[in-house]
């Protein structure tokens, strides 16, 4: 199978991507995102009415973060599925800045350092499960 065939298959999988898909598991999500980073670093999924962009590579993520007019969150979010919005991630400027201003003090180095031991223990416990 040649590179164009692989790219076509990855693109087709990406166009159907739905993070709520029960077939998406810890066993296959890393392979999927590796394929996306390699072959389709920015792709639009059609899983929801309005679709959504998947941006999977560092350089493109940085570019998207600097371009909120193109890469919106709130207006392009999946339809209401009975789940709460993930704030501030599901919001756009200027609302996003207001939420971040409230949250930023909780993620200061001093606050994170106080919780580091508990976070390390949690990560060790989760990694031992897999």
Protein backbone atom coordinates (compact mmCIF):
# COMPACT_ATOMS: atom_id res chain seq x y z
CA UNK A 1 0.00 0.00 0.00
CA UNK A 2 1.50 3.31 -1.10
CA UNK A 3 1.65 6.64 0.72
CA UNK A 4 -1.39 8.11 -1.11
CA UNK A 5 -3.49 5.10 -0.05
CA UNK A 6 -2.40 5.44 3.58
CA UNK A 7 -3.06 9.18 3.53
CA UNK A 8 -6.53 8.59 2.03
CA UNK A 9 -7.36 6.00 4.73
CA UNK A 10 -6.13 8.27 7.52
CA UNK A 11 -8.09 11.19 6.08
CA UNK A 12 -11.26 9.08 5.90
CA UNK A 13 -10.82 7.99 9.54
CA UNK A 14 -10.22 11.60 10.56
CA UNK A 15 -13.35 12.81 8.76
CA UNK A 16 -15.40 10.37 10.84
CA UNK A 17 -13.57 11.12 14.12
CA UNK A 18 -15.89 11.45 17.10
CA UNK A 19 -14.34 11.60 20.55
CA UNK A 20 -17.51 9.99 21.95
CA UNK A 21 -17.18 6.91 19.72
CA UNK A 22 -17.19 3.83 21.98
CA UNK A 23 -14.69 2.15 19.62
CA UNK A 24 -12.13 4.84 20.44
CA UNK A 25 -10.07 3.30 23.23
CA UNK A 26 -6.75 3.71 24.99
CA UNK A 27 -5.54 0.86 22.79
CA UNK A 28 -6.14 2.66 19.48
CA UNK A 29 -6.26 6.42 20.09
CA UNK A 30 -2.48 6.86 20.19
CA UNK A 31 -2.05 5.10 16.85
CA UNK A 32 -4.83 7.23 15.34
CA UNK A 33 -3.28 10.49 16.50
CA UNK A 34 0.18 9.38 15.37
CA UNK A 35 -1.24 8.71 11.91
CA UNK A 36 -3.01 12.08 11.95
CA UNK A 37 0.16 13.94 12.92
CA UNK A 38 2.06 12.22 10.12
CA UNK A 39 -0.51 12.33 7.31
CA UNK A 40 -3.28 14.85 8.19
CA UNK A 41 -2.11 17.29 10.87
CA UNK A 42 -5.17 19.52 10.30
CA UNK A 43 -8.42 17.95 9.15
CA UNK A 44 -12.11 18.70 9.49
CA UNK A 45 -14.24 15.93 10.95
CA UNK A 46 -17.81 15.67 9.75
CA UNK A 47 -18.99 13.78 12.85
CA UNK A 48 -21.26 16.65 13.89
CA UNK A 49 -23.59 19.00 12.04
CA UNK A 50 -21.08 21.82 11.74
CA UNK A 51 -17.98 19.65 11.80
CA UNK A 52 -14.90 20.41 13.82
CA UNK A 53 -11.22 20.79 13.09
CA UNK A 54 -8.70 18.33 14.51
CA UNK A 55 -5.31 19.96 14.88
CA UNK A 56 -2.76 17.36 15.91
CA UNK A 57 0.77 18.69 15.38
CA UNK A 58 2.59 21.17 17.59
CA UNK A 59 3.38 23.75 14.90
CA UNK A 60 -0.19 23.77 13.62
CA UNK A 61 -1.60 23.91 17.16
CA UNK A 62 0.51 27.00 17.86
CA UNK A 63 -0.73 28.56 14.62
CA UNK A 64 -4.36 27.75 15.47
CA UNK A 65 -4.01 29.26 18.93
CA UNK A 66 -2.88 32.51 17.32
CA UNK A 67 -5.83 32.55 14.90
CA UNK A 68 -9.11 32.42 16.87
CA UNK A 69 -11.04 33.84 13.91
CA UNK A 70 -10.37 30.67 11.89
CA UNK A 71 -10.11 28.10 14.67
CA UNK A 72 -13.09 28.90 16.84
CA UNK A 73 -14.26 26.80 19.77
CA UNK A 74 -17.66 27.98 20.93
CA UNK A 75 -19.45 28.49 17.61
CA UNK A 76 -18.03 25.29 16.13
CA UNK A 77 -18.60 22.98 19.06
CA UNK A 78 -20.42 19.68 18.67
CA UNK A 79 -24.17 19.80 19.28
CA UNK A 80 -25.55 19.60 22.79
CA UNK A 81 -25.16 16.00 23.88
CA UNK A 82 -26.39 16.47 27.41
CA UNK A 83 -22.86 17.16 28.62
CA UNK A 84 -21.61 20.36 30.23
CA UNK A 85 -19.40 22.63 28.16
CA UNK A 86 -15.66 22.29 28.81
CA UNK A 87 -14.84 25.81 29.88
CA UNK A 88 -12.75 27.68 29.02
CA UNK A 89 -11.85 25.36 26.12
CA UNK A 90 -15.33 25.54 24.58
CA UNK A 91 -15.36 29.33 24.52
CA UNK A 92 -13.89 31.98 22.23
CA UNK A 93 -12.53 35.46 22.89
CA UNK A 94 -13.48 37.55 24.74
CA UNK A 95 -15.31 35.07 27.02
CA UNK A 96 -12.31 32.72 27.03
CA UNK A 97 -10.10 35.42 28.55
CA UNK A 98 -12.55 36.02 31.37
CA UNK A 99 -12.63 32.32 32.29
CA UNK A 100 -8.84 32.04 32.04
CA UNK A 101 -8.34 35.09 34.26
CA UNK A 102 -10.30 33.31 36.99
CA UNK A 103 -8.44 30.01 36.51
CA UNK A 104 -4.87 31.24 36.02
CA UNK A 105 -4.10 31.70 39.74
CA UNK A 106 -4.98 28.03 40.33
CA UNK A 107 -2.30 26.98 37.83
CA UNK A 108 0.53 29.16 39.08
CA UNK A 109 3.82 27.36 39.72
CA UNK A 110 3.40 27.84 43.48
CA UNK A 111 -0.07 26.21 43.46
CA UNK A 112 0.98 23.35 41.19
CA UNK A 113 4.07 22.69 43.31
CA UNK A 114 1.83 22.19 46.35
CA UNK A 115 -0.04 19.43 44.51
CA UNK A 116 2.93 17.86 42.72
CA UNK A 117 3.35 14.88 45.02
CA UNK A 118 -0.35 13.99 44.77
CA UNK A 119 -0.28 14.40 40.97
CA UNK A 120 2.85 12.24 40.67
CA UNK A 121 1.21 9.52 42.76
CA UNK A 122 -1.93 9.66 40.63
CA UNK A 123 0.10 9.31 37.42
CA UNK A 124 2.12 6.42 38.84
CA UNK A 125 -1.09 4.64 39.85
CA UNK A 126 -2.66 5.14 36.42
CA UNK A 127 0.47 3.99 34.57
CA UNK A 128 0.61 0.81 36.67
CA UNK A 129 -2.97 0.01 35.58
CA UNK A 130 -1.92 -0.19 31.91
